[in-house]
Amino acid sequence: MSRVAPVDRPVLIIGERGTGKELSAARIHFLSPRWQGPFVKLNCAALPETLLEAELFGVEAGAFTGAARRRQGRFELADGGSIFLDEIGNTPLSLQEKILRTIEYGEFERLGGTETLKVSVRIVAATNVDLPSAAAAGRFREDLLDRLAFDVLTLPPLRARQGDIPLLANHFGLGMAKSLQWPTFPGFSDRAMAAMDTYAWPGNVRELKNVVERAVAHWTEPENAIDSVTFDPFASPFRPPAAASKVPKQSPDPEPQPKRAAVPIDGDYRASLDAHARSLLADALIQSKHNQRRAAAALGLNYNQLRHELRKYGLLPSQQSAS
């Protein structure tokens, strides 16, 4: 990610649902020379064609029924920054041509307008569709694919990076315990962690976050390691058998676990393993809108410590000024 972020060209992110495509796009923006500009997002699969065109390129007054006034589109709002187009593979062919023109020439017209507008926008797109196959079948423009694929970032599913599961589980668990105002985070028992390690995670990181937060919220013994994890919240003895999930419903029955040291809630950063530190730093920068002092406070560091860590992990571009 740090390799593609500084290069002011389109990036195509590929991955299954829940693998963190939007977060990756935000990281690319905030690690790029455009980090002080806007970061604008749009899910291309969430709107019908006419509304999608209006959202992307804006609308002139009277362009269609209900368009009482001129409205800027996402490309205008992203001028000087980056735009994240999620589910780009679901974009109609008629709009793909207009998106291609915006990438190549930085210009377009609002819906119902004749004035050509100029913008400077970096496009980061994402999809879980096989775009080369879609292009071969005529469902996606090959020239647009060529432009979007200047850099392709493939996010592996969680099941392919099992070593990240304990790191992410403890990271999300710390955050949930903090929101519940627990004085410490007790961590997960070996049994609960083993259940998470062997689960397939079809929903990837998003599902892991939900499972962990639910486990913390439902745990009534915050002084002991969390030993109950539910993967299927719909599991019930009254659920029709045909609809029952074939994945594990919850971790095995609790057994006594050895006491382990609880993690102080105020020590989020210090408690994290070095392998996860860079991700925590990048997330803190994103959440703080790249305000380094706020990011330092969120991580439990002072400003100079944060600068040292950012430099250590290559997250301090030389052109950035102190916030």
C-alpha atoms as a PDB file:
ATOM      1  CA  MET A   1       0.000   0.000   0.000  1.00  0.00           C
ATOM      2  CA  SER A   2       2.837   2.382   0.825  1.00  0.00           C
ATOM      3  CA  ARG A   3       4.258   1.568  -2.619  1.00  0.00           C
ATOM      4  CA  VAL A   4       1.164   2.612  -4.592  1.00  0.00           C
ATOM      5  CA  ALA A   5       0.014   5.531  -2.413  1.00  0.00           C
ATOM      6  CA  PRO A   6       2.606   8.141  -3.519  1.00  0.00           C
ATOM      7  CA  VAL A   7       2.040   7.527  -7.260  1.00  0.00           C
ATOM      8  CA  ASP A   8      -0.752   9.817  -8.477  1.00  0.00           C
ATOM      9  CA  ARG A   9      -2.459   7.263 -10.714  1.00  0.00           C
ATOM     10  CA  PRO A  10      -5.611   5.097 -10.458  1.00  0.00           C
ATOM     11  CA  VAL A  11      -5.610   2.082  -8.160  1.00  0.00           C
ATOM     12  CA  LEU A  12      -7.907  -0.940  -8.489  1.00  0.00           C
ATOM     13  CA  ILE A  13      -8.554  -2.871  -5.272  1.00  0.00           C
ATOM     14  CA  ILE A  14      -9.790  -6.453  -5.615  1.00  0.00           C
ATOM     15  CA  GLY A  15     -11.133  -8.551  -2.774  1.00  0.00           C
ATOM     16  CA  GLU A  16     -14.054 -10.441  -1.311  1.00  0.00           C
ATOM     17  CA  ARG A  17     -16.690  -8.637   0.738  1.00  0.00           C
ATOM     18  CA  GLY A  18     -15.461  -7.600   4.137  1.00  0.00           C
ATOM     19  CA  THR A  19     -11.746  -7.699   3.312  1.00  0.00           C
ATOM     20  CA  GLY A  20     -11.317  -3.982   4.005  1.00  0.00           C
ATOM     21  CA  LYS A  21     -11.412  -2.425   0.538  1.00  0.00           C
ATOM     22  CA  GLU A  22     -12.804   0.917   1.743  1.00  0.00           C
ATOM     23  CA  LEU A  23     -10.286   1.136   4.583  1.00  0.00           C
ATOM     24  CA  SER A  24      -7.487   0.335   2.126  1.00  0.00           C
ATOM     25  CA  ALA A  25      -8.693   3.108  -0.183  1.00  0.00           C
ATOM     26  CA  ALA A  26      -8.706   5.549   2.736  1.00  0.00           C
ATOM     27  CA  ARG A  27      -5.164   4.531   3.650  1.00  0.00           C
ATOM     28  CA  ILE A  28      -4.003   5.084   0.076  1.00  0.00           C
ATOM     29  CA  HIS A  29      -5.523   8.579   0.130  1.00  0.00           C
ATOM     30  CA  PHE A  30      -4.116   9.599   3.508  1.00  0.00           C
ATOM     31  CA  LEU A  31      -0.645   8.282   2.619  1.00  0.00           C
ATOM     32  CA  SER A  32      -0.652  10.098  -0.734  1.00  0.00           C
ATOM     33  CA  PRO A  33       0.382  13.648  -1.685  1.00  0.00           C
ATOM     34  CA  ARG A  34      -3.366  14.430  -1.821  1.00  0.00           C
ATOM     35  CA  TRP A  35      -3.892  13.656   1.884  1.00  0.00           C
ATOM     36  CA  GLN A  36      -4.963  17.229   2.680  1.00  0.00           C
ATOM     37  CA  GLY A  37      -7.664  17.128  -0.010  1.00  0.00           C
ATOM     38  CA  PRO A  38     -11.128  15.550   0.263  1.00  0.00           C
ATOM     39  CA  PHE A  39     -11.706  11.798   0.301  1.00  0.00           C
ATOM     40  CA  VAL A  40     -15.106  11.133  -1.306  1.00  0.00           C
ATOM     41  CA  LYS A  41     -16.813   7.712  -1.425  1.00  0.00           C
ATOM     42  CA  LEU A  42     -19.595   6.228  -3.543  1.00  0.00           C
ATOM     43  CA  ASN A  43     -20.991   2.696  -3.827  1.00  0.00           C
ATOM     44  CA  CYS A  44     -21.760   2.293  -7.532  1.00  0.00           C
ATOM     45  CA  ALA A  45     -24.026  -0.707  -6.885  1.00  0.00           C
ATOM     46  CA  ALA A  46     -26.326   1.198  -4.533  1.00  0.00           C
ATOM     47  CA  LEU A  47     -28.065   3.409  -7.115  1.00  0.00           C
ATOM     48  CA  PRO A  48     -29.913   2.973 -10.440  1.00  0.00           C
ATOM     49  CA  GLU A  49     -28.194   4.313 -13.556  1.00  0.00           C
ATOM     50  CA  THR A  50     -29.837   7.775 -13.690  1.00  0.00           C
ATOM     51  CA  LEU A  51     -29.254   8.504 -10.021  1.00  0.00           C
ATOM     52  CA  LEU A  52     -25.716   7.130 -10.208  1.00  0.00           C
ATOM     53  CA  GLU A  53     -24.848   9.521 -13.037  1.00  0.00           C
ATOM     54  CA  ALA A  54     -26.305  12.414 -11.046  1.00  0.00           C
ATOM     55  CA  GLU A  55     -24.330  11.427  -7.949  1.00  0.00           C
ATOM     56  CA  LEU A  56     -21.073  11.106  -9.862  1.00  0.00           C
ATOM     57  CA  PHE A  57     -21.247  14.115 -12.152  1.00  0.00           C
ATOM     58  CA  GLY A  58     -23.812  16.448 -10.608  1.00  0.00           C
ATOM     59  CA  VAL A  59     -27.103  17.842 -11.894  1.00  0.00           C
ATOM     60  CA  GLU A  60     -28.216  21.082 -13.497  1.00  0.00           C
ATOM     61  CA  ALA A  61     -31.516  22.588 -12.389  1.00  0.00           C
ATOM     62  CA  GLY A  62     -34.397  21.103 -14.373  1.00  0.00           C
ATOM     63  CA  ALA A  63     -32.389  18.127 -15.645  1.00  0.00           C
ATOM     64  CA  PHE A  64     -35.172  15.810 -14.505  1.00  0.00           C
ATOM     65  CA  THR A  65     -38.304  15.892 -12.375  1.00  0.00           C
ATOM     66  CA  GLY A  66     -37.369  16.955  -8.871  1.00  0.00           C
ATOM     67  CA  ALA A  67     -34.064  18.593  -9.856  1.00  0.00           C
ATOM     68  CA  ALA A  68     -35.049  22.044  -8.646  1.00  0.00           C
ATOM     69  CA  ARG A  69     -31.511  23.379  -8.323  1.00  0.00           C
ATOM     70  CA  ARG A  70     -27.959  22.751  -9.446  1.00  0.00           C
ATOM     71  CA  ARG A  71     -26.122  20.137  -7.391  1.00  0.00           C
ATOM     72  CA  GLN A  72     -22.460  19.170  -7.403  1.00  0.00           C
ATOM     73  CA  GLY A  73     -21.511  15.546  -8.000  1.00  0.00           C
ATOM     74  CA  ARG A  74     -18.917  13.428  -6.240  1.00  0.00           C
ATOM     75  CA  PHE A  75     -16.202  14.208  -8.781  1.00  0.00           C
ATOM     76  CA  GLU A  76     -16.589  17.939  -8.136  1.00  0.00           C
ATOM     77  CA  LEU A  77     -16.608  17.384  -4.384  1.00  0.00           C
ATOM     78  CA  ALA A  78     -13.403  15.326  -4.674  1.00  0.00           C
ATOM     79  CA  ASP A  79     -11.509  17.984  -6.660  1.00  0.00           C
ATOM     80  CA  GLY A  80      -7.948  18.159  -5.322  1.00  0.00           C
ATOM     81  CA  GLY A  81      -8.319  14.853  -3.490  1.00  0.00           C
ATOM     82  CA  SER A  82      -9.379  11.267  -4.143  1.00  0.00           C
ATOM     83  CA  ILE A  83     -12.631   9.501  -5.000  1.00  0.00           C
ATOM     84  CA  PHE A  84     -13.347   5.909  -3.993  1.00  0.00           C
ATOM     85  CA  LEU A  85     -15.698   4.102  -6.376  1.00  0.00           C
ATOM     86  CA  ASP A  86     -16.781   0.890  -4.682  1.00  0.00           C
ATOM     87  CA  GLU A  87     -18.324  -1.923  -6.758  1.00  0.00           C
ATOM     88  CA  ILE A  88     -17.079  -0.333  -9.993  1.00  0.00           C
ATOM     89  CA  GLY A  89     -17.888  -3.611 -11.769  1.00  0.00           C
ATOM     90  CA  ASN A  90     -21.608  -2.869 -11.394  1.00  0.00           C
ATOM     91  CA  THR A  91     -21.397   0.427 -13.298  1.00  0.00           C
ATOM     92  CA  PRO A  92     -23.488   0.550 -16.523  1.00  0.00           C
ATOM     93  CA  LEU A  93     -21.522   0.700 -19.790  1.00  0.00           C
ATOM     94  CA  SER A  94     -22.998   4.098 -20.636  1.00  0.00           C
ATOM     95  CA  LEU A  95     -21.461   5.582 -17.494  1.00  0.00           C
ATOM     96  CA  GLN A  96     -18.155   3.780 -17.907  1.00  0.00           C
ATOM     97  CA  GLU A  97     -17.392   5.931 -20.950  1.00  0.00           C
ATOM     98  CA  LYS A  98     -17.966   9.106 -18.944  1.00  0.00           C
ATOM     99  CA  ILE A  99     -15.793   7.836 -16.080  1.00  0.00           C
ATOM    100  CA  LEU A 100     -13.039   6.977 -18.577  1.00  0.00           C
ATOM    101  CA  ARG A 101     -13.137  10.501 -19.986  1.00  0.00           C
ATOM    102  CA  THR A 102     -12.855  11.935 -16.483  1.00  0.00           C
ATOM    103  CA  ILE A 103      -9.803   9.767 -15.771  1.00  0.00           C
ATOM    104  CA  GLU A 104      -8.091  10.610 -19.063  1.00  0.00           C
ATOM    105  CA  TYR A 105      -8.876  14.311 -19.382  1.00  0.00           C
ATOM    106  CA  GLY A 106     -10.203  15.380 -15.984  1.00  0.00           C
ATOM    107  CA  GLU A 107     -13.368  16.792 -17.545  1.00  0.00           C
ATOM    108  CA  PHE A 108     -17.110  16.111 -17.708  1.00  0.00           C
ATOM    109  CA  GLU A 109     -20.513  17.804 -17.877  1.00  0.00           C
ATOM    110  CA  ARG A 110     -23.196  17.730 -15.229  1.00  0.00           C
ATOM    111  CA  LEU A 111     -26.378  15.804 -16.029  1.00  0.00           C
ATOM    112  CA  GLY A 112     -28.531  18.139 -18.127  1.00  0.00           C
ATOM    113  CA  GLY A 113     -25.680  20.620 -18.619  1.00  0.00           C
ATOM    114  CA  THR A 114     -23.430  21.750 -21.475  1.00  0.00           C
ATOM    115  CA  GLU A 115     -20.608  23.434 -19.537  1.00  0.00           C
ATOM    116  CA  THR A 116     -17.435  21.330 -19.413  1.00  0.00           C
ATOM    117  CA  LEU A 117     -16.002  21.176 -15.903  1.00  0.00           C
ATOM    118  CA  LYS A 118     -12.362  20.423 -15.081  1.00  0.00           C
ATOM    119  CA  VAL A 119     -11.248  18.563 -11.956  1.00  0.00           C
ATOM    120  CA  SER A 120      -8.078  17.016 -10.548  1.00  0.00           C
ATOM    121  CA  VAL A 121      -9.073  13.767  -8.858  1.00  0.00           C
ATOM    122  CA  ARG A 122      -7.305  10.500  -8.130  1.00  0.00           C
ATOM    123  CA  ILE A 123      -9.558   7.479  -8.622  1.00  0.00           C
ATOM    124  CA  VAL A 124      -9.379   4.462  -6.352  1.00  0.00           C
ATOM    125  CA  ALA A 125     -11.852   1.780  -7.440  1.00  0.00           C
ATOM    126  CA  ALA A 126     -12.808  -1.539  -5.877  1.00  0.00           C
ATOM    127  CA  THR A 127     -14.656  -4.648  -6.957  1.00  0.00           C
ATOM    128  CA  ASN A 128     -15.271  -8.289  -6.109  1.00  0.00           C
ATOM    129  CA  VAL A 129     -16.109  -8.967  -9.778  1.00  0.00           C
ATOM    130  CA  ASP A 130     -13.636 -10.613 -12.174  1.00  0.00           C
ATOM    131  CA  LEU A 131     -13.222  -7.524 -14.371  1.00  0.00           C
ATOM    132  CA  PRO A 132     -11.027  -9.145 -17.070  1.00  0.00           C
ATOM    133  CA  SER A 133     -13.758 -11.768 -17.594  1.00  0.00           C
ATOM    134  CA  ALA A 134     -16.446  -9.069 -17.548  1.00  0.00           C
ATOM    135  CA  ALA A 135     -14.478  -7.112 -20.159  1.00  0.00           C
ATOM    136  CA  ALA A 136     -14.093 -10.215 -22.344  1.00  0.00           C
ATOM    137  CA  ALA A 137     -17.871 -10.740 -22.114  1.00  0.00           C
ATOM    138  CA  GLY A 138     -18.566  -7.130 -23.100  1.00  0.00           C
ATOM    139  CA  ARG A 139     -19.932  -6.092 -19.698  1.00  0.00           C
ATOM    140  CA  PHE A 140     -17.015  -3.819 -18.834  1.00  0.00           C
ATOM    141  CA  ARG A 141     -14.997  -1.520 -21.075  1.00  0.00           C
ATOM    142  CA  GLU A 142     -11.496  -2.819 -21.737  1.00  0.00           C
ATOM    143  CA  ASP A 143     -10.081   0.701 -22.086  1.00  0.00           C
ATOM    144  CA  LEU A 144     -11.485   1.680 -18.685  1.00  0.00           C
ATOM    145  CA  LEU A 145     -10.070  -1.501 -17.168  1.00  0.00           C
ATOM    146  CA  ASP A 146      -6.663  -0.665 -18.649  1.00  0.00           C
ATOM    147  CA  ARG A 147      -6.729   2.781 -17.021  1.00  0.00           C
ATOM    148  CA  LEU A 148      -8.006   1.597 -13.648  1.00  0.00           C
ATOM    149  CA  ALA A 149      -5.462  -1.216 -13.490  1.00  0.00           C
ATOM    150  CA  PHE A 150      -2.390   1.037 -13.407  1.00  0.00           C
ATOM    151  CA  ASP A 151      -1.872  -0.509  -9.973  1.00  0.00           C
ATOM    152  CA  VAL A 152      -3.888  -3.507  -8.772  1.00  0.00           C
ATOM    153  CA  LEU A 153      -4.058  -4.265  -5.066  1.00  0.00           C
ATOM    154  CA  THR A 154      -5.462  -7.714  -4.223  1.00  0.00           C
ATOM    155  CA  LEU A 155      -6.658  -8.137  -0.641  1.00  0.00           C
ATOM    156  CA  PRO A 156      -6.443 -11.750   0.535  1.00  0.00           C
ATOM    157  CA  PRO A 157      -9.408 -13.232   2.416  1.00  0.00           C
ATOM    158  CA  LEU A 158      -9.013 -13.639   6.160  1.00  0.00           C
ATOM    159  CA  ARG A 159      -8.872 -17.437   5.850  1.00  0.00           C
ATOM    160  CA  ALA A 160      -5.636 -17.009   3.852  1.00  0.00           C
ATOM    161  CA  ARG A 161      -3.939 -14.999   6.619  1.00  0.00           C
ATOM    162  CA  GLN A 162      -4.749 -16.891   9.782  1.00  0.00           C
ATOM    163  CA  GLY A 163      -1.862 -15.292  11.611  1.00  0.00           C
ATOM    164  CA  ASP A 164      -3.773 -12.005  11.572  1.00  0.00           C
ATOM    165  CA  ILE A 165      -6.815 -13.418  13.384  1.00  0.00           C
ATOM    166  CA  PRO A 166      -5.426 -13.171  16.964  1.00  0.00           C
ATOM    167  CA  LEU A 167      -4.034  -9.701  16.256  1.00  0.00           C
ATOM    168  CA  LEU A 168      -7.296  -8.408  14.807  1.00  0.00           C
ATOM    169  CA  ALA A 169      -9.443 -10.130  17.439  1.00  0.00           C
ATOM    170  CA  ASN A 170      -7.515  -8.502  20.267  1.00  0.00           C
ATOM    171  CA  HIS A 171      -7.487  -5.147  18.462  1.00  0.00           C
ATOM    172  CA  PHE A 172     -11.278  -5.169  17.987  1.00  0.00           C
ATOM    173  CA  GLY A 173     -11.762  -6.567  21.485  1.00  0.00           C
ATOM    174  CA  LEU A 174      -9.741  -3.737  23.013  1.00  0.00           C
ATOM    175  CA  GLY A 175     -11.827  -1.188  21.161  1.00  0.00           C
ATOM    176  CA  MET A 176     -15.125  -2.734  22.258  1.00  0.00           C
ATOM    177  CA  ALA A 177     -13.994  -3.064  25.880  1.00  0.00           C
ATOM    178  CA  LYS A 178     -12.974   0.575  25.808  1.00  0.00           C
ATOM    179  CA  SER A 179     -16.392   1.629  24.473  1.00  0.00           C
ATOM    180  CA  LEU A 180     -18.021  -0.370  27.303  1.00  0.00           C
ATOM    181  CA  GLN A 181     -15.736   1.438  29.771  1.00  0.00           C
ATOM    182  CA  TRP A 182     -14.161  -1.748  31.083  1.00  0.00           C
ATOM    183  CA  PRO A 183     -11.044  -1.002  33.180  1.00  0.00           C
ATOM    184  CA  THR A 184      -9.133  -3.832  31.465  1.00  0.00           C
ATOM    185  CA  PHE A 185      -9.523  -6.132  28.469  1.00  0.00           C
ATOM    186  CA  PRO A 186      -9.132  -9.774  29.595  1.00  0.00           C
ATOM    187  CA  GLY A 187      -8.402 -11.184  26.134  1.00  0.00           C
ATOM    188  CA  PHE A 188      -9.768 -14.456  24.746  1.00  0.00           C
ATOM    189  CA  SER A 189      -9.277 -17.927  26.170  1.00  0.00           C
ATOM    190  CA  ASP A 190      -7.239 -20.470  24.218  1.00  0.00           C
ATOM    191  CA  ARG A 191     -10.469 -22.341  23.479  1.00  0.00           C
ATOM    192  CA  ALA A 192     -12.225 -19.253  22.069  1.00  0.00           C
ATOM    193  CA  MET A 193      -9.178 -18.282  20.032  1.00  0.00           C
ATOM    194  CA  ALA A 194      -8.903 -21.823  18.635  1.00  0.00           C
ATOM    195  CA  ALA A 195     -12.547 -21.634  17.538  1.00  0.00           C
ATOM    196  CA  MET A 196     -11.844 -18.369  15.712  1.00  0.00           C
ATOM    197  CA  ASP A 197      -8.694 -19.812  14.127  1.00  0.00           C
ATOM    198  CA  THR A 198     -10.599 -22.749  12.608  1.00  0.00           C
ATOM    199  CA  TYR A 199     -13.644 -20.799  11.384  1.00  0.00           C
ATOM    200  CA  ALA A 200     -13.815 -20.058   7.623  1.00  0.00           C
ATOM    201  CA  TRP A 201     -14.789 -16.341   7.947  1.00  0.00           C
ATOM    202  CA  PRO A 202     -16.894 -15.956   4.779  1.00  0.00           C
ATOM    203  CA  GLY A 203     -17.501 -12.320   5.762  1.00  0.00           C
ATOM    204  CA  ASN A 204     -13.778 -11.720   6.350  1.00  0.00           C
ATOM    205  CA  VAL A 205     -12.590  -8.869   8.593  1.00  0.00           C
ATOM    206  CA  ARG A 206     -16.040  -7.271   8.808  1.00  0.00           C
ATOM    207  CA  GLU A 207     -17.495 -10.522  10.160  1.00  0.00           C
ATOM    208  CA  LEU A 208     -14.588 -10.978  12.575  1.00  0.00           C
ATOM    209  CA  LYS A 209     -15.187  -7.495  13.967  1.00  0.00           C
ATOM    210  CA  ASN A 210     -18.884  -8.257  14.525  1.00  0.00           C
ATOM    211  CA  VAL A 211     -18.161 -11.620  16.171  1.00  0.00           C
ATOM    212  CA  VAL A 212     -15.536 -10.152  18.505  1.00  0.00           C
ATOM    213  CA  GLU A 213     -17.601  -7.111  19.482  1.00  0.00           C
ATOM    214  CA  ARG A 214     -20.644  -9.318  20.142  1.00  0.00           C
ATOM    215  CA  ALA A 215     -18.543 -11.668  22.295  1.00  0.00           C
ATOM    216  CA  VAL A 216     -17.208  -8.780  24.378  1.00  0.00           C
ATOM    217  CA  ALA A 217     -20.636  -7.135  24.723  1.00  0.00           C
ATOM    218  CA  HIS A 218     -22.264 -10.389  25.917  1.00  0.00           C
ATOM    219  CA  TRP A 219     -19.468 -11.396  28.307  1.00  0.00           C
ATOM    220  CA  THR A 220     -20.445 -10.896  31.947  1.00  0.00           C
ATOM    221  CA  GLU A 221     -17.108 -11.673  33.619  1.00  0.00           C
ATOM    222  CA  PRO A 222     -14.696  -8.965  32.443  1.00  0.00           C
ATOM    223  CA  GLU A 223     -12.115 -10.115  34.999  1.00  0.00           C
ATOM    224  CA  ASN A 224     -11.803 -13.488  33.167  1.00  0.00           C
ATOM    225  CA  ALA A 225     -10.720 -14.301  29.610  1.00  0.00           C
ATOM    226  CA  ILE A 226     -13.636 -14.341  27.159  1.00  0.00           C
ATOM    227  CA  ASP A 227     -14.516 -17.986  26.538  1.00  0.00           C
ATOM    228  CA  SER A 228     -17.723 -17.823  24.475  1.00  0.00           C
ATOM    229  CA  VAL A 229     -17.812 -16.847  20.807  1.00  0.00           C
ATOM    230  CA  THR A 230     -20.964 -17.018  18.654  1.00  0.00           C
ATOM    231  CA  PHE A 231     -20.500 -17.174  14.898  1.00  0.00           C
ATOM    232  CA  ASP A 232     -24.161 -17.508  13.899  1.00  0.00           C
ATOM    233  CA  PRO A 233     -26.374 -14.989  15.751  1.00  0.00           C
ATOM    234  CA  PHE A 234     -29.466 -16.652  14.239  1.00  0.00           C
ATOM    235  CA  ALA A 235     -28.746 -19.991  15.908  1.00  0.00           C
ATOM    236  CA  SER A 236     -31.779 -21.151  17.894  1.00  0.00           C
ATOM    237  CA  PRO A 237     -33.436 -24.482  18.763  1.00  0.00           C
ATOM    238  CA  PHE A 238     -36.641 -22.992  17.319  1.00  0.00           C
ATOM    239  CA  ARG A 239     -35.090 -22.199  13.947  1.00  0.00           C
ATOM    240  CA  PRO A 240     -36.391 -24.363  11.056  1.00  0.00           C
ATOM    241  CA  PRO A 241     -33.825 -27.140  10.357  1.00  0.00           C
ATOM    242  CA  ALA A 242     -33.657 -26.350   6.631  1.00  0.00           C
ATOM    243  CA  ALA A 243     -32.499 -22.829   7.425  1.00  0.00           C
ATOM    244  CA  ALA A 244     -29.931 -23.840  10.023  1.00  0.00           C
ATOM    245  CA  SER A 245     -26.378 -22.761   9.310  1.00  0.00           C
ATOM    246  CA  LYS A 246     -23.768 -25.398   8.578  1.00  0.00           C
ATOM    247  CA  VAL A 247     -20.980 -23.356  10.191  1.00  0.00           C
ATOM    248  CA  PRO A 248     -20.090 -23.663  13.889  1.00  0.00           C
ATOM    249  CA  LYS A 249     -22.675 -21.851  16.020  1.00  0.00           C
ATOM    250  CA  GLN A 250     -20.381 -21.007  18.902  1.00  0.00           C
ATOM    251  CA  SER A 251     -17.196 -22.033  20.606  1.00  0.00           C
ATOM    252  CA  PRO A 252     -17.245 -25.299  22.591  1.00  0.00           C
ATOM    253  CA  ASP A 253     -18.580 -25.375  26.147  1.00  0.00           C
ATOM    254  CA  PRO A 254     -16.360 -23.311  28.432  1.00  0.00           C
ATOM    255  CA  GLU A 255     -13.666 -25.091  30.415  1.00  0.00           C
ATOM    256  CA  PRO A 256     -11.547 -23.612  33.183  1.00  0.00           C
ATOM    257  CA  GLN A 257      -8.760 -21.548  31.664  1.00  0.00           C
ATOM    258  CA  PRO A 258      -5.504 -20.461  33.287  1.00  0.00           C
ATOM    259  CA  LYS A 259      -5.456 -16.869  34.474  1.00  0.00           C
ATOM    260  CA  ARG A 260      -3.687 -14.511  32.114  1.00  0.00           C
ATOM    261  CA  ALA A 261      -2.738 -10.888  32.512  1.00  0.00           C
ATOM    262  CA  ALA A 262      -5.445  -8.473  31.437  1.00  0.00           C
ATOM    263  CA  VAL A 263      -4.513  -5.640  29.086  1.00  0.00           C
ATOM    264  CA  PRO A 264      -5.044  -2.121  30.481  1.00  0.00           C
ATOM    265  CA  ILE A 265      -7.483  -0.268  28.256  1.00  0.00           C
ATOM    266  CA  ASP A 266      -5.241   2.804  28.191  1.00  0.00           C
ATOM    267  CA  GLY A 267      -2.452   0.750  26.645  1.00  0.00           C
ATOM    268  CA  ASP A 268      -3.972  -0.006  23.229  1.00  0.00           C
ATOM    269  CA  TYR A 269      -0.792   0.742  21.327  1.00  0.00           C
ATOM    270  CA  ARG A 270       1.679  -0.736  23.830  1.00  0.00           C
ATOM    271  CA  ALA A 271      -0.335  -3.960  24.009  1.00  0.00           C
ATOM    272  CA  SER A 272      -0.318  -4.465  20.251  1.00  0.00           C
ATOM    273  CA  LEU A 273       2.272  -6.687  18.646  1.00  0.00           C
ATOM    274  CA  ASP A 274       4.932  -5.085  16.466  1.00  0.00           C
ATOM    275  CA  ALA A 275       3.560  -6.858  13.399  1.00  0.00           C
ATOM    276  CA  HIS A 276       0.267  -5.000  13.819  1.00  0.00           C
ATOM    277  CA  ALA A 277       1.732  -1.611  14.752  1.00  0.00           C
ATOM    278  CA  ARG A 278       1.822  -0.189  11.241  1.00  0.00           C
ATOM    279  CA  SER A 279      -1.859  -0.978  10.687  1.00  0.00           C
ATOM    280  CA  LEU A 280      -2.781   0.666  13.999  1.00  0.00           C
ATOM    281  CA  LEU A 281      -0.797   3.776  13.086  1.00  0.00           C
ATOM    282  CA  ALA A 282      -2.416   4.053   9.666  1.00  0.00           C
ATOM    283  CA  ASP A 283      -5.900   3.560  11.158  1.00  0.00           C
ATOM    284  CA  ALA A 284      -5.253   6.275  13.743  1.00  0.00           C
ATOM    285  CA  LEU A 285      -4.177   8.698  11.012  1.00  0.00           C
ATOM    286  CA  ILE A 286      -7.320   7.944   9.026  1.00  0.00           C
ATOM    287  CA  GLN A 287      -9.633   8.352  12.024  1.00  0.00           C
ATOM    288  CA  SER A 288      -7.964  11.637  13.009  1.00  0.00           C
ATOM    289  CA  LYS A 289      -8.080  13.019   9.450  1.00  0.00           C
ATOM    290  CA  HIS A 290      -4.252  12.983   9.518  1.00  0.00           C
ATOM    291  CA  ASN A 291      -4.081  15.198  12.606  1.00  0.00           C
ATOM    292  CA  GLN A 292      -0.953  13.743  14.182  1.00  0.00           C
ATOM    293  CA  ARG A 293      -1.574  15.137  17.663  1.00  0.00           C
ATOM    294  CA  ARG A 294      -5.056  13.588  17.817  1.00  0.00           C
ATOM    295  CA  ALA A 295      -3.670  10.323  16.421  1.00  0.00           C
ATOM    296  CA  ALA A 296      -0.964  10.317  19.106  1.00  0.00           C
ATOM    297  CA  ALA A 297      -3.543  10.839  21.857  1.00  0.00           C
ATOM    298  CA  ALA A 298      -5.728   8.024  20.490  1.00  0.00           C
ATOM    299  CA  LEU A 299      -2.756   5.639  20.552  1.00  0.00           C
ATOM    300  CA  GLY A 300      -1.535   6.646  24.014  1.00  0.00           C
ATOM    301  CA  LEU A 301       1.655   8.228  22.657  1.00  0.00           C
ATOM    302  CA  ASN A 302       3.080  11.700  22.923  1.00  0.00           C
ATOM    303  CA  TYR A 303       3.629  13.670  19.728  1.00  0.00           C
ATOM    304  CA  ASN A 304       7.366  12.940  19.445  1.00  0.00           C
ATOM    305  CA  GLN A 305       6.807   9.222  20.002  1.00  0.00           C
ATOM    306  CA  LEU A 306       4.200   9.159  17.243  1.00  0.00           C
ATOM    307  CA  ARG A 307       6.549  10.939  14.823  1.00  0.00           C
ATOM    308  CA  HIS A 308       9.243   8.390  15.633  1.00  0.00           C
ATOM    309  CA  GLU A 309       6.871   5.480  14.970  1.00  0.00           C
ATOM    310  CA  LEU A 310       5.528   7.033  11.754  1.00  0.00           C
ATOM    311  CA  ARG A 311       9.080   7.467  10.499  1.00  0.00           C
ATOM    312  CA  LYS A 312       9.994   3.924  11.571  1.00  0.00           C
ATOM    313  CA  TYR A 313       7.110   2.393   9.603  1.00  0.00           C
ATOM    314  CA  GLY A 314       7.405   4.650   6.546  1.00  0.00           C
ATOM    315  CA  LEU A 315       4.214   6.587   7.274  1.00  0.00           C
ATOM    316  CA  LEU A 316       5.797  10.028   7.446  1.00  0.00           C
ATOM    317  CA  PRO A 317       6.152  11.359   3.872  1.00  0.00           C
ATOM    318  CA  SER A 318       8.867  13.983   3.670  1.00  0.00           C
ATOM    319  CA  GLN A 319       6.441  16.561   2.289  1.00  0.00           C
ATOM    320  CA  GLN A 320       4.087  16.319   5.288  1.00  0.00           C
ATOM    321  CA  SER A 321       4.147  19.126   7.793  1.00  0.00           C
ATOM    322  CA  ALA A 322       3.464  18.749  11.511  1.00  0.00           C
ATOM    323  CA  SER A 323      -0.209  18.904  12.388  1.00  0.00           C
END
